[in-house]
Amino acid sequence: MASILFPDSDRLAEHGPEFSVLSHIPIVLHPTGAVFTEATDYLRDRALMIWRNGRKKSPSAGSVRQFAYNLSNFLDWCEEMDLDWRAIDRGHDADPRSLVGYARMMADGRWSDDGPISRATVEARLSVAIDFLSYAAAAPRRWREPFDDAPILGYGHVAPSDRRYAIPSKVDVAAWLERLRSDTYPAQHLMTQMIFEAGLRREEAVAIRASQIPSPDTFSPGLYQHIEISYGTKGGRDPADPDRKGKPRTVRVHTDFLARLYLHSRNPKERLAALSVFRERHPDEKPPEHLFLNPETGFPYSVAQPNKLFKRATPAPTSPWTPHMGRHFYACWTLLELLQEEAHLAGLRRGDLLPSTLKEFGHSSLLRLKQYLGHVSEETTDIYLAWASEHLRINLREDAR
């Protein structure tokens, strides 16, 4: 995931006016921490009106900041879809791997933690993406082929597509994970499975530390345990923090799977081999504390690794098949379990879950689900509730028994 670093305006001003003029221009970083040169150059040239593209007025500092957020969103989408931004095209409605596909995924909520995105936001993000690609194609850079910079309009606030409800079954996902197991290291397999088991974002899955996995001796009775995560989470993150710690949140994990994670964190041959490789190659550095380590390098996996793993085992249970869809899978099936748990506690059977009772229990269950997922809008959770109602064969529009 691309990061945005905002300069310290006071420190830049100490070096003279030629530096202070750059104080409002963000720096875009690759997931590795390296400067994303092309994206940063674009923001600088657009902010200083070196790249005009027909514009006559300099953008405000706030506008430049928003350009950075919009561009980062586009670059993250390219990474999620395993696309090279240098080769992406405008496309058409049937082409998901294009700018039109980017627009559709924002419009119907597949590329959002907050549900379907407004038309104004979709068009603002598209405008920056198109302008960046045009900048990249222009002389003297020519980082890519020429690009048609006509605006893409008409997407946003559309009804969610049927694909949002095409959540695969547990059996299908288990079969896919088994296919993946035969072609990956155990750490890669567990890391991927953790997205389905705990609803983690990909950056959270690669960043979790071994020390965060509790001993089974401390487990509470029951099918599920709760652990706190903060590495790689959204909100409250300092861009300069190498650990990328964000706002802490509690996630729900099946007891059996958490016990497997604990065993992996303590004494697996693969993890010991990875640490041995790291110490041999970097004897003066502190070994990484991450739970999942690459046995070939000794380093943690990059945030791009989950995307690659989702493309490795075929056929996929549904399309598109990405870590983001893995979170949707977790959300829908977890919500269904939460609804059934609450109904059982209230003495209701499945046949008693009529629209009125489902909405009552759904409100409480959705609040719990939002806490597990973190930063999810009412619109997105309503989509999950609609999926659960379809699974239970309940029509939420019915007003009476």
Protein backbone atom coordinates (compact mmCIF):
# COMPACT_ATOMS: atom_id res chain seq x y z
CA MET A 1 0.00 0.00 0.00
CA ALA A 2 1.38 3.40 -0.97
CA SER A 3 2.02 5.82 1.90
CA ILE A 4 2.00 9.61 1.93
CA LEU A 5 4.66 11.59 3.79
CA PHE A 6 4.02 15.26 4.54
CA PRO A 7 7.11 17.49 4.87
CA ASP A 8 7.89 19.46 8.01
CA SER A 9 7.24 23.02 6.81
CA ASP A 10 9.13 24.65 9.69
CA ARG A 11 12.31 22.67 9.06
CA LEU A 12 12.12 23.31 5.32
CA ALA A 13 11.73 27.04 5.94
CA GLU A 14 15.01 27.02 7.89
CA HIS A 15 16.81 26.15 4.66
CA GLY A 16 15.53 29.14 2.72
CA PRO A 17 12.65 30.12 0.44
CA GLU A 18 13.64 27.70 -2.33
CA PHE A 19 12.81 24.88 0.10
CA SER A 20 9.82 26.40 1.89
CA VAL A 21 7.96 26.58 -1.43
CA LEU A 22 7.91 22.77 -1.35
CA SER A 23 6.47 22.51 2.16
CA HIS A 24 2.91 21.70 1.03
CA ILE A 25 3.90 19.00 -1.46
CA PRO A 26 3.48 15.41 -0.19
CA ILE A 27 5.90 12.59 -0.94
CA VAL A 28 4.49 9.24 -2.08
CA LEU A 29 6.23 6.12 -0.79
CA HIS A 30 6.21 2.55 -2.06
CA PRO A 31 5.18 -0.19 0.42
CA THR A 32 8.93 -0.83 0.83
CA GLY A 33 9.43 2.74 2.08
CA ALA A 34 11.25 3.86 -1.07
CA VAL A 35 10.14 7.10 -2.72
CA PHE A 36 7.58 6.57 -5.50
CA THR A 37 9.47 8.92 -7.82
CA GLU A 38 6.92 9.22 -10.64
CA ALA A 39 3.99 9.93 -8.31
CA THR A 40 5.99 12.40 -6.21
CA ASP A 41 7.28 14.23 -9.30
CA TYR A 42 3.70 14.51 -10.55
CA LEU A 43 2.48 16.08 -7.30
CA ARG A 44 5.40 18.51 -7.27
CA ASP A 45 4.94 19.58 -10.89
CA ARG A 46 1.19 19.93 -10.53
CA ALA A 47 1.52 21.92 -7.29
CA LEU A 48 4.10 24.30 -8.82
CA MET A 49 2.19 24.58 -12.12
CA ILE A 50 5.08 23.04 -14.05
CA TRP A 51 2.48 20.54 -15.28
CA ARG A 52 -0.53 22.62 -16.29
CA ASN A 53 -2.49 20.44 -18.75
CA GLY A 54 -4.76 23.37 -19.58
CA ARG A 55 -5.08 24.70 -16.03
CA LYS A 56 -4.46 28.39 -15.26
CA LYS A 57 -4.72 28.54 -11.45
CA SER A 58 -2.33 27.10 -8.88
CA PRO A 59 -3.96 24.52 -6.58
CA SER A 60 -4.24 25.21 -2.87
CA ALA A 61 -2.26 23.23 -0.31
CA GLY A 62 -5.45 21.41 0.64
CA SER A 63 -6.09 20.47 -2.98
CA VAL A 64 -2.56 19.13 -3.38
CA ARG A 65 -3.06 17.03 -0.27
CA GLN A 66 -6.27 15.61 -1.73
CA PHE A 67 -4.51 14.90 -5.04
CA ALA A 68 -2.03 12.80 -3.07
CA TYR A 69 -4.78 10.80 -1.34
CA ASN A 70 -6.60 10.21 -4.63
CA LEU A 71 -3.43 9.18 -6.45
CA SER A 72 -2.48 6.83 -3.61
CA ASN A 73 -5.90 5.19 -3.86
CA PHE A 74 -5.42 4.58 -7.59
CA LEU A 75 -1.92 3.16 -7.12
CA ASP A 76 -3.17 0.87 -4.34
CA TRP A 77 -5.91 -0.39 -6.66
CA CYS A 78 -3.33 -1.12 -9.37
CA GLU A 79 -1.31 -3.12 -6.86
CA GLU A 80 -4.40 -4.96 -5.60
CA MET A 81 -5.34 -5.92 -9.17
CA ASP A 82 -1.72 -6.75 -10.07
CA LEU A 83 -1.70 -4.11 -12.81
CA ASP A 84 1.21 -2.00 -14.04
CA TRP A 85 0.06 1.63 -14.08
CA ARG A 86 2.35 2.19 -17.07
CA ALA A 87 0.24 -0.16 -19.18
CA ILE A 88 -3.29 0.44 -17.91
CA ASP A 89 -5.87 1.65 -20.44
CA ARG A 90 -9.24 3.41 -20.26
CA GLY A 91 -11.14 0.20 -21.02
CA HIS A 92 -14.91 -0.33 -21.12
CA ASP A 93 -17.70 -1.66 -18.91
CA ALA A 94 -16.77 -5.30 -19.50
CA ASP A 95 -13.08 -4.75 -18.72
CA PRO A 96 -12.43 -4.88 -14.94
CA ARG A 97 -8.66 -4.34 -15.37
CA SER A 98 -8.92 -0.79 -16.68
CA LEU A 99 -9.77 2.71 -15.51
CA VAL A 100 -13.44 1.99 -16.17
CA GLY A 101 -13.05 -1.13 -14.03
CA TYR A 102 -11.52 1.06 -11.29
CA ALA A 103 -14.54 3.38 -11.56
CA ARG A 104 -17.02 0.50 -11.34
CA MET A 105 -15.31 -1.07 -8.33
CA MET A 106 -15.47 2.25 -6.48
CA ALA A 107 -19.06 2.87 -7.54
CA ASP A 108 -20.41 -0.48 -6.35
CA GLY A 109 -18.26 -0.65 -3.20
CA ARG A 110 -15.88 -3.46 -4.15
CA TRP A 111 -12.96 -1.02 -3.85
CA SER A 112 -13.97 0.60 -0.58
CA ASP A 113 -14.24 -0.21 3.11
CA ASP A 114 -17.14 2.25 3.31
CA GLY A 115 -19.58 0.94 0.73
CA PRO A 116 -20.51 2.44 -2.66
CA ILE A 117 -18.71 5.73 -3.27
CA SER A 118 -20.39 8.96 -4.38
CA ARG A 119 -20.15 10.09 -7.97
CA ALA A 120 -18.23 13.22 -6.97
CA THR A 121 -15.54 11.16 -5.21
CA VAL A 122 -15.29 8.62 -8.03
CA GLU A 123 -14.87 11.36 -10.62
CA ALA A 124 -12.33 13.25 -8.47
CA ARG A 125 -10.19 10.11 -8.11
CA LEU A 126 -10.50 9.31 -11.82
CA SER A 127 -9.53 12.87 -12.72
CA VAL A 128 -6.28 12.61 -10.76
CA ALA A 129 -5.52 9.13 -12.13
CA ILE A 130 -6.08 10.29 -15.72
CA ASP A 131 -4.01 13.43 -15.18
CA PHE A 132 -1.17 11.41 -13.64
CA LEU A 133 -1.17 8.96 -16.58
CA SER A 134 -1.20 11.85 -19.05
CA TYR A 135 1.72 13.45 -17.19
CA ALA A 136 3.61 10.15 -17.32
CA ALA A 137 3.09 9.87 -21.07
CA ALA A 138 4.09 13.45 -21.91
CA ALA A 139 7.54 14.58 -23.04
CA PRO A 140 10.20 14.59 -21.77
CA ARG A 141 9.23 11.75 -19.43
CA ARG A 142 7.49 9.25 -21.71
CA TRP A 143 7.20 6.70 -18.90
CA ARG A 144 4.29 5.10 -20.73
CA GLU A 145 2.41 5.14 -24.04
CA PRO A 146 0.22 8.17 -24.88
CA PHE A 147 -3.01 8.27 -22.92
CA ASP A 148 -6.49 9.57 -23.81
CA ASP A 149 -7.16 12.13 -21.09
CA ALA A 150 -10.88 12.64 -21.75
CA PRO A 151 -12.86 12.43 -18.48
CA ILE A 152 -14.67 9.25 -17.47
CA LEU A 153 -18.11 10.20 -16.14
CA GLY A 154 -21.29 8.59 -14.91
CA TYR A 155 -20.02 6.28 -12.16
CA GLY A 156 -20.94 6.55 -8.51
CA HIS A 157 -23.95 5.95 -6.26
CA VAL A 158 -25.09 3.04 -8.38
CA ALA A 159 -26.76 -0.05 -6.93
CA PRO A 160 -24.26 -2.65 -5.75
CA SER A 161 -23.53 -5.24 -8.40
CA ASP A 162 -24.58 -8.87 -7.95
CA ARG A 163 -20.91 -9.74 -7.52
CA ARG A 164 -21.00 -8.11 -4.10
CA TYR A 165 -23.29 -10.95 -3.05
CA ALA A 166 -21.33 -13.71 -4.79
CA ILE A 167 -19.61 -14.70 -1.55
CA PRO A 168 -18.17 -18.22 -1.94
CA SER A 169 -19.12 -21.03 0.40
CA LYS A 170 -16.87 -22.17 3.22
CA VAL A 171 -16.38 -25.45 1.39
CA ASP A 172 -15.18 -23.65 -1.76
CA VAL A 173 -12.73 -21.47 0.19
CA ALA A 174 -11.43 -24.47 2.15
CA ALA A 175 -10.83 -26.32 -1.14
CA TRP A 176 -9.00 -23.30 -2.57
CA LEU A 177 -6.83 -23.00 0.53
CA GLU A 178 -5.96 -26.68 0.22
CA ARG A 179 -4.87 -26.13 -3.39
CA LEU A 180 -2.80 -23.16 -2.22
CA ARG A 181 -1.15 -25.25 0.49
CA SER A 182 0.52 -27.52 -2.07
CA ASP A 183 2.26 -24.55 -3.76
CA THR A 184 3.34 -22.36 -0.83
CA TYR A 185 5.40 -22.27 2.32
CA PRO A 186 3.44 -22.91 5.55
CA ALA A 187 3.87 -19.26 6.57
CA GLN A 188 2.34 -18.08 3.30
CA HIS A 189 -0.57 -20.46 3.69
CA LEU A 190 -1.27 -19.40 7.28
CA MET A 191 -0.95 -15.72 6.39
CA THR A 192 -3.52 -16.12 3.61
CA GLN A 193 -5.85 -18.15 5.80
CA MET A 194 -5.69 -15.46 8.48
CA ILE A 195 -7.45 -13.03 6.12
CA PHE A 196 -10.43 -15.40 6.03
CA GLU A 197 -10.25 -16.34 9.71
CA ALA A 198 -9.85 -12.85 11.19
CA GLY A 199 -10.92 -10.42 8.45
CA LEU A 200 -7.49 -8.76 8.33
CA ARG A 201 -6.44 -6.37 5.62
CA ARG A 202 -3.40 -7.57 3.70
CA GLU A 203 -1.07 -5.03 5.37
CA GLU A 204 -2.32 -6.20 8.77
CA ALA A 205 -1.73 -9.86 7.91
CA VAL A 206 1.90 -9.35 6.86
CA ALA A 207 2.64 -7.04 9.80
CA ILE A 208 1.31 -9.07 12.74
CA ARG A 209 3.97 -9.96 15.32
CA ALA A 210 4.65 -13.35 16.86
CA SER A 211 4.34 -11.81 20.32
CA GLN A 212 0.70 -10.89 19.63
CA ILE A 213 -0.36 -14.55 19.49
CA PRO A 214 -1.34 -15.69 23.00
CA SER A 215 -0.58 -19.08 24.50
CA PRO A 216 -3.45 -21.59 24.47
CA ASP A 217 -3.02 -21.70 28.25
CA THR A 218 -4.58 -18.24 28.38
CA PHE A 219 -7.51 -18.98 26.05
CA SER A 220 -11.04 -18.39 27.26
CA PRO A 221 -13.56 -21.23 26.97
CA GLY A 222 -15.43 -21.21 23.68
CA LEU A 223 -15.06 -21.50 19.92
CA TYR A 224 -13.56 -18.02 19.46
CA GLN A 225 -10.83 -15.88 21.01
CA HIS A 226 -10.15 -12.14 20.74
CA ILE A 227 -6.74 -10.58 20.14
CA GLU A 228 -5.64 -6.98 19.67
CA ILE A 229 -3.81 -5.83 16.54
CA SER A 230 -2.23 -2.47 15.74
CA TYR A 231 0.54 -3.06 13.19
CA GLY A 232 -0.63 -2.02 9.73
CA THR A 233 -4.07 -0.90 10.92
CA LYS A 234 -5.76 2.25 9.66
CA GLY A 235 -6.08 5.46 11.63
CA GLY A 236 -3.64 7.31 13.85
CA ARG A 237 -0.60 6.13 11.93
CA ASP A 238 2.59 8.19 11.89
CA PRO A 239 3.95 8.09 8.29
CA ALA A 240 7.49 8.11 9.70
CA ASP A 241 6.89 5.08 11.94
CA PRO A 242 8.78 2.10 10.44
CA ASP A 243 6.47 -0.29 12.32
CA ARG A 244 3.40 1.29 10.69
CA LYS A 245 1.35 1.08 13.88
CA GLY A 246 -2.17 2.41 13.62
CA LYS A 247 -5.31 2.48 15.72
CA PRO A 248 -5.59 -0.70 17.84
CA ARG A 249 -8.60 -2.94 17.35
CA THR A 250 -9.77 -6.33 18.56
CA VAL A 251 -10.34 -9.17 16.09
CA ARG A 252 -12.23 -12.44 16.50
CA VAL A 253 -10.34 -15.66 15.68
CA HIS A 254 -11.41 -19.30 15.89
CA THR A 255 -9.76 -21.04 18.83
CA ASP A 256 -8.33 -23.90 16.77
CA PHE A 257 -6.79 -21.57 14.21
CA LEU A 258 -5.29 -19.34 16.90
CA ALA A 259 -3.68 -22.44 18.45
CA ARG A 260 -2.12 -23.22 15.05
CA LEU A 261 -0.76 -19.68 14.87
CA TYR A 262 0.75 -20.07 18.34
CA LEU A 263 2.53 -23.28 17.32
CA HIS A 264 3.85 -21.54 14.20
CA SER A 265 5.13 -18.61 16.28
CA ARG A 266 7.09 -20.81 18.67
CA ASN A 267 8.95 -23.66 17.06
CA PRO A 268 8.28 -24.42 13.41
CA LYS A 269 11.21 -25.57 11.33
CA GLU A 270 10.42 -22.99 8.65
CA ARG A 271 10.41 -20.02 11.05
CA LEU A 272 13.68 -21.12 12.66
CA ALA A 273 15.22 -21.48 9.20
CA ALA A 274 14.10 -17.96 8.27
CA LEU A 275 15.61 -16.48 11.44
CA SER A 276 18.82 -18.42 10.82
CA VAL A 277 19.06 -17.00 7.29
CA PHE A 278 18.49 -13.48 8.60
CA ARG A 279 21.16 -13.75 11.30
CA GLU A 280 23.65 -15.18 8.83
CA ARG A 281 23.12 -12.36 6.32
CA HIS A 282 22.60 -9.53 8.82
CA PRO A 283 24.55 -10.47 11.95
CA ASP A 284 24.51 -6.93 13.34
CA GLU A 285 20.76 -6.35 12.93
CA LYS A 286 17.91 -7.28 15.23
CA PRO A 287 15.87 -10.19 13.79
CA PRO A 288 12.34 -9.28 12.70
CA GLU A 289 9.53 -9.92 15.16
CA HIS A 290 6.91 -10.63 12.51
CA LEU A 291 4.89 -13.83 12.70
CA PHE A 292 5.28 -14.67 9.03
CA LEU A 293 8.84 -14.71 7.63
CA ASN A 294 10.18 -15.66 4.22
CA PRO A 295 12.46 -18.70 4.77
CA GLU A 296 14.53 -17.73 1.71
CA THR A 297 15.42 -14.22 2.92
CA GLY A 298 14.57 -14.11 6.62
CA PHE A 299 12.58 -10.91 6.08
CA PRO A 300 8.84 -10.38 6.58
CA TYR A 301 6.68 -10.70 3.48
CA SER A 302 5.85 -7.52 1.58
CA VAL A 303 2.32 -6.12 1.52
CA ALA A 304 2.09 -7.24 -2.13
CA GLN A 305 2.57 -10.91 -1.19
CA PRO A 306 -1.11 -11.65 -0.34
CA ASN A 307 -2.15 -10.42 -3.79
CA LYS A 308 0.29 -12.81 -5.43
CA LEU A 309 -0.90 -15.70 -3.29
CA PHE A 310 -4.55 -15.07 -4.17
CA LYS A 311 -3.60 -15.45 -7.84
CA ARG A 312 -1.53 -18.59 -7.35
CA ALA A 313 -4.07 -21.39 -6.84
CA THR A 314 -6.63 -21.86 -9.56
CA PRO A 315 -9.51 -21.94 -10.14
CA ALA A 316 -10.54 -19.13 -7.80
CA PRO A 317 -13.81 -19.52 -5.86
CA THR A 318 -15.22 -16.28 -7.33
CA SER A 319 -14.13 -13.21 -9.30
CA PRO A 320 -12.49 -10.88 -8.60
CA TRP A 321 -10.50 -12.95 -6.11
CA THR A 322 -8.40 -10.63 -3.95
CA PRO A 323 -7.55 -10.14 -0.26
CA HIS A 324 -10.29 -7.51 -0.18
CA MET A 325 -12.82 -10.16 -1.23
CA GLY A 326 -11.41 -12.34 1.55
CA ARG A 327 -12.51 -9.67 4.04
CA HIS A 328 -15.99 -9.66 2.52
CA PHE A 329 -16.08 -13.46 2.93
CA TYR A 330 -15.12 -13.13 6.61
CA ALA A 331 -17.63 -10.33 7.17
CA CYS A 332 -20.61 -12.15 5.66
CA TRP A 333 -20.05 -15.53 7.29
CA THR A 334 -19.14 -13.97 10.65
CA LEU A 335 -22.29 -11.84 10.57
CA LEU A 336 -24.36 -14.94 9.86
CA GLU A 337 -22.82 -16.68 12.88
CA LEU A 338 -23.38 -13.64 15.11
CA LEU A 339 -27.03 -13.45 14.06
CA GLN A 340 -27.53 -17.14 14.79
CA GLU A 341 -25.77 -16.84 18.16
CA GLU A 342 -28.04 -14.00 19.24
CA ALA A 343 -31.15 -15.78 17.99
CA HIS A 344 -30.16 -18.89 19.96
CA LEU A 345 -29.65 -16.85 23.14
CA ALA A 346 -33.11 -15.36 22.65
CA GLY A 347 -34.66 -18.79 22.22
CA LEU A 348 -35.44 -18.24 18.54
CA ARG A 349 -35.11 -20.87 15.85
CA ARG A 350 -33.99 -20.18 12.29
CA GLY A 351 -37.60 -20.20 11.13
CA ASP A 352 -38.39 -17.46 13.66
CA LEU A 353 -35.91 -15.02 12.07
CA LEU A 354 -38.46 -12.87 10.26
CA PRO A 355 -37.60 -9.39 8.95
CA SER A 356 -38.52 -7.62 12.18
CA THR A 357 -36.42 -9.92 14.38
CA LEU A 358 -33.51 -10.01 11.94
CA LYS A 359 -33.31 -6.22 11.89
CA GLU A 360 -33.38 -6.15 15.70
CA PHE A 361 -30.60 -8.71 16.06
CA GLY A 362 -28.86 -7.43 12.95
CA HIS A 363 -28.24 -4.03 14.54
CA SER A 364 -26.38 -5.53 17.49
CA SER A 365 -24.50 -8.04 15.35
CA LEU A 366 -23.45 -5.38 12.85
CA LEU A 367 -22.01 -3.26 15.64
CA ARG A 368 -19.88 -6.21 16.76
CA LEU A 369 -18.83 -6.92 13.18
CA LYS A 370 -17.77 -3.30 12.63
CA GLN A 371 -15.57 -3.52 15.70
CA TYR A 372 -13.88 -6.64 14.33
CA LEU A 373 -13.33 -5.19 10.85
CA GLY A 374 -12.57 -1.58 11.76
CA HIS A 375 -13.58 1.47 9.69
CA VAL A 376 -16.66 0.08 7.93
CA SER A 377 -19.60 2.25 6.92
CA GLU A 378 -23.29 1.64 7.51
CA GLU A 379 -23.70 1.23 3.76
CA THR A 380 -21.20 -1.62 3.61
CA THR A 381 -22.61 -3.39 6.65
CA ASP A 382 -26.11 -3.10 5.17
CA ILE A 383 -24.79 -5.03 2.19
CA TYR A 384 -23.55 -7.75 4.54
CA LEU A 385 -26.94 -7.85 6.26
CA ALA A 386 -28.66 -8.19 2.88
CA TRP A 387 -26.38 -11.13 2.06
CA ALA A 388 -27.24 -12.78 5.39
CA SER A 389 -30.95 -12.29 4.75
CA GLU A 390 -30.61 -13.90 1.32
CA HIS A 391 -28.73 -16.80 2.90
CA LEU A 392 -31.53 -17.21 5.43
CA ARG A 393 -34.15 -16.67 2.70
CA ILE A 394 -35.59 -13.60 4.43
CA ASN A 395 -37.00 -10.61 2.57
CA LEU A 396 -35.95 -7.51 4.52
CA ARG A 397 -38.67 -5.46 2.77
CA GLU A 398 -41.47 -7.45 4.36
CA ASP A 399 -43.14 -5.44 7.07
CA ALA A 400 -45.25 -8.13 8.68
CA ARG A 401 -45.11 -11.74 9.72
